[in-house]
């Protein structure tokens, strides 16, 4: 179903949602978008996804309430953007942050470039990931045992896909346990994003 604006979208939610609801802060922070959950049933919830509200019910039914942009808004956007073409898609974005200090020796045992080559091999050849971005960064944390502040060389990977990566946790475990990385854990962030390719 489609409505003209966000207020009408929430009016529609209130008609079909079975109970009162409230924002689930923990789930929202993890997902990267707002999630509102029934006060009575954990499995009745609403996802606020920018161009639509997704209503998920415990009986397995999902209803998408799409929000139309007015012609005036679309015209203003097109005028403001000096582009030849704009392709905007709702995409699934995964951001992985991988430390390079070995979990046993607490030292970097592999160079940044060697780690990137190894991770690329896993993503592309083993799992068929089409494209991604990799960048150097640092993780900073305080050791509980010694109180020392550690600055750990790390790599951040950004992957955007049209379909959810149902095997992303398996990929993370393979990278985490690889011989030359040997990580305690890898940080994963997931969000649904509006991504545009400007030509």
Protein backbone atom coordinates (compact mmCIF):
# COMPACT_ATOMS: atom_id res chain seq x y z
CA UNK A 1 0.00 0.00 0.00
CA UNK A 2 1.11 3.58 -0.70
CA UNK A 3 0.40 6.84 1.12
CA UNK A 4 1.35 10.48 0.49
CA UNK A 5 3.43 11.30 3.56
CA UNK A 6 4.94 9.92 6.75
CA UNK A 7 2.05 11.03 8.96
CA UNK A 8 -0.43 9.09 6.86
CA UNK A 9 1.92 6.11 6.93
CA UNK A 10 1.83 6.06 10.73
CA UNK A 11 -1.95 6.47 10.66
CA UNK A 12 -2.07 3.32 8.54
CA UNK A 13 0.23 1.51 10.98
CA UNK A 14 -2.08 2.39 13.85
CA UNK A 15 -4.99 0.86 11.96
CA UNK A 16 -3.32 -2.50 11.33
CA UNK A 17 -0.94 -2.92 14.28
CA UNK A 18 -2.56 -5.06 16.99
CA UNK A 19 -1.20 -3.30 20.11
CA UNK A 20 0.54 -0.20 21.41
CA UNK A 21 4.24 -0.05 20.56
CA UNK A 22 7.45 1.69 21.64
CA UNK A 23 10.92 2.20 20.22
CA UNK A 24 13.34 -0.70 20.78
CA UNK A 25 16.55 1.25 21.37
CA UNK A 26 18.90 -1.76 21.39
CA UNK A 27 17.51 -3.24 18.18
CA UNK A 28 17.49 0.20 16.51
CA UNK A 29 21.15 0.79 17.35
CA UNK A 30 22.10 -2.63 16.00
CA UNK A 31 20.06 -2.33 12.79
CA UNK A 32 20.95 1.28 11.98
CA UNK A 33 17.30 2.31 11.57
CA UNK A 34 14.38 2.78 13.99
CA UNK A 35 12.51 -0.31 15.18
CA UNK A 36 9.28 -0.06 17.19
CA UNK A 37 8.06 -3.14 19.04
CA UNK A 38 4.77 -4.22 20.57
CA UNK A 39 4.61 -3.92 24.34
CA UNK A 40 2.86 -7.31 24.46
CA UNK A 41 4.44 -9.45 21.72
CA UNK A 42 8.17 -9.25 20.90
CA UNK A 43 7.53 -10.56 17.37
CA UNK A 44 5.15 -7.74 16.38
CA UNK A 45 7.37 -4.85 15.26
CA UNK A 46 7.71 -1.92 12.82
CA UNK A 47 10.84 -0.94 10.86
CA UNK A 48 11.19 2.72 9.77
CA UNK A 49 13.09 2.44 6.47
CA UNK A 50 12.98 5.96 5.05
CA UNK A 51 10.77 5.48 2.00
CA UNK A 52 8.45 3.01 3.75
CA UNK A 53 7.30 1.58 7.06
CA UNK A 54 7.61 -2.20 7.25
CA UNK A 55 5.08 -3.81 9.60
CA UNK A 56 6.06 -7.33 10.72
CA UNK A 57 3.51 -9.40 12.61
CA UNK A 58 3.98 -12.48 14.76
CA UNK A 59 1.76 -14.51 12.42
CA UNK A 60 4.40 -14.16 9.68
CA UNK A 61 2.63 -11.42 7.72
CA UNK A 62 4.62 -8.39 6.52
CA UNK A 63 3.01 -5.18 5.24
CA UNK A 64 5.01 -2.44 3.51
CA UNK A 65 3.52 1.07 3.62
CA UNK A 66 5.31 3.07 0.91
CA UNK A 67 5.60 6.85 1.19
CA UNK A 68 5.29 8.84 -2.03
CA UNK A 69 7.27 12.03 -2.66
CA UNK A 70 5.19 14.87 -4.06
CA UNK A 71 5.95 16.16 -7.58
CA UNK A 72 7.16 19.48 -6.10
CA UNK A 73 9.61 17.68 -3.80
CA UNK A 74 10.90 15.53 -6.66
CA UNK A 75 11.35 18.60 -8.87
CA UNK A 76 13.27 20.48 -6.17
CA UNK A 77 15.54 17.50 -5.62
CA UNK A 78 16.29 17.15 -9.32
CA UNK A 79 17.05 20.87 -9.62
CA UNK A 80 19.35 20.86 -6.60
CA UNK A 81 21.38 17.91 -7.89
CA UNK A 82 23.59 18.76 -10.87
CA UNK A 83 23.72 15.21 -12.23
CA UNK A 84 23.25 13.48 -15.55
CA UNK A 85 21.61 10.46 -13.95
CA UNK A 86 20.78 9.33 -10.44
CA UNK A 87 20.12 5.70 -9.60
CA UNK A 88 19.01 5.29 -5.98
CA UNK A 89 18.48 1.91 -4.41
CA UNK A 90 17.65 0.50 -1.01
CA UNK A 91 20.71 -1.63 -0.25
CA UNK A 92 21.93 -3.78 2.61
CA UNK A 93 25.18 -2.41 4.05
CA UNK A 94 27.59 -4.46 6.14
CA UNK A 95 30.55 -2.80 7.88
CA UNK A 96 33.19 -5.08 9.39
CA UNK A 97 36.05 -3.85 11.60
CA UNK A 98 38.89 -6.37 11.91
CA UNK A 99 41.77 -5.92 14.34
CA UNK A 100 45.25 -7.06 13.30
CA UNK A 101 46.74 -7.92 16.70
CA UNK A 102 46.90 -11.70 17.22
CA UNK A 103 44.66 -12.69 20.15
CA UNK A 104 47.43 -14.82 21.70
CA UNK A 105 50.57 -12.73 21.19
CA UNK A 106 48.67 -9.38 21.32
CA UNK A 107 50.96 -8.20 18.50
CA UNK A 108 50.42 -7.59 14.80
CA UNK A 109 51.71 -10.73 13.09
CA UNK A 110 50.63 -9.86 9.53
CA UNK A 111 51.05 -6.64 7.54
CA UNK A 112 48.03 -4.54 6.58
CA UNK A 113 48.51 -5.25 2.87
CA UNK A 114 48.91 -9.00 3.39
CA UNK A 115 45.77 -9.02 5.55
CA UNK A 116 43.84 -7.15 2.83
CA UNK A 117 44.94 -9.67 0.19
CA UNK A 118 43.93 -12.59 2.39
CA UNK A 119 40.53 -11.07 3.25
CA UNK A 120 39.91 -10.21 -0.43
CA UNK A 121 40.68 -13.83 -1.37
CA UNK A 122 38.10 -15.07 1.16
CA UNK A 123 35.41 -12.58 0.14
CA UNK A 124 35.79 -12.86 -3.64
CA UNK A 125 36.99 -16.40 -4.37
CA UNK A 126 35.42 -18.33 -1.49
CA UNK A 127 32.13 -16.45 -1.10
CA UNK A 128 31.67 -14.62 -4.41
CA UNK A 129 31.29 -11.13 -2.92
CA UNK A 130 31.09 -8.86 -5.97
CA UNK A 131 32.54 -5.58 -4.63
CA UNK A 132 33.55 -3.91 -1.38
CA UNK A 133 35.68 -1.10 0.07
CA UNK A 134 38.65 -1.63 2.42
CA UNK A 135 40.45 0.99 4.49
CA UNK A 136 43.05 1.17 7.25
CA UNK A 137 41.96 2.37 10.69
CA UNK A 138 42.82 1.94 14.38
CA UNK A 139 40.93 0.37 17.24
CA UNK A 140 41.61 1.90 20.66
CA UNK A 141 40.82 0.10 23.92
CA UNK A 142 42.01 -0.26 27.49
CA UNK A 143 43.36 -3.63 28.66
CA UNK A 144 41.41 -4.88 31.69
CA UNK A 145 44.38 -6.87 32.95
CA UNK A 146 47.09 -4.17 32.80
CA UNK A 147 45.22 -0.90 32.32
CA UNK A 148 47.33 -0.17 29.23
CA UNK A 149 45.71 1.77 26.39
CA UNK A 150 46.15 -0.19 23.17
CA UNK A 151 46.02 1.33 19.68
CA UNK A 152 45.46 -1.63 17.38
CA UNK A 153 45.96 -1.42 13.60
CA UNK A 154 42.70 -2.52 12.01
CA UNK A 155 40.94 -2.84 8.66
CA UNK A 156 37.40 -1.68 7.95
CA UNK A 157 35.38 -3.31 5.16
CA UNK A 158 32.17 -1.88 3.68
CA UNK A 159 29.96 -4.19 1.60
CA UNK A 160 26.69 -3.06 -0.04
CA UNK A 161 24.34 -5.62 -1.60
CA UNK A 162 20.85 -5.60 -3.10
CA UNK A 163 19.91 -8.77 -1.23
CA UNK A 164 20.68 -9.63 2.42
CA UNK A 165 23.87 -11.64 2.96
CA UNK A 166 22.50 -14.60 4.89
CA UNK A 167 26.02 -16.06 5.18
CA UNK A 168 27.69 -12.91 6.60
CA UNK A 169 28.23 -14.49 10.06
CA UNK A 170 29.86 -17.54 8.47
CA UNK A 171 32.17 -15.24 6.46
CA UNK A 172 33.11 -13.36 9.63
CA UNK A 173 33.97 -16.60 11.45
CA UNK A 174 36.20 -17.76 8.57
CA UNK A 175 38.05 -14.42 8.57
CA UNK A 176 38.24 -14.32 12.38
CA UNK A 177 39.73 -17.79 12.71
CA UNK A 178 42.13 -17.56 9.76
CA UNK A 179 45.66 -18.56 10.77
CA UNK A 180 47.33 -15.18 10.28
CA UNK A 181 44.59 -13.01 11.84
CA UNK A 182 43.51 -15.20 14.79
CA UNK A 183 41.04 -12.68 16.20
CA UNK A 184 38.98 -12.86 19.39
CA UNK A 185 36.08 -11.16 17.62
CA UNK A 186 35.18 -8.97 14.64
CA UNK A 187 32.78 -6.03 14.91
CA UNK A 188 29.81 -6.17 12.52
CA UNK A 189 27.46 -3.31 11.76
CA UNK A 190 24.38 -3.80 9.56
CA UNK A 191 22.04 -1.18 8.21
CA UNK A 192 19.63 -0.63 5.34
CA UNK A 193 20.72 2.43 3.34
CA UNK A 194 19.63 4.59 0.43
CA UNK A 195 22.67 4.37 -1.87
CA UNK A 196 23.06 6.43 -5.05
CA UNK A 197 25.48 6.09 -7.93
CA UNK A 198 26.06 9.49 -9.55
CA UNK A 199 27.29 9.60 -13.14
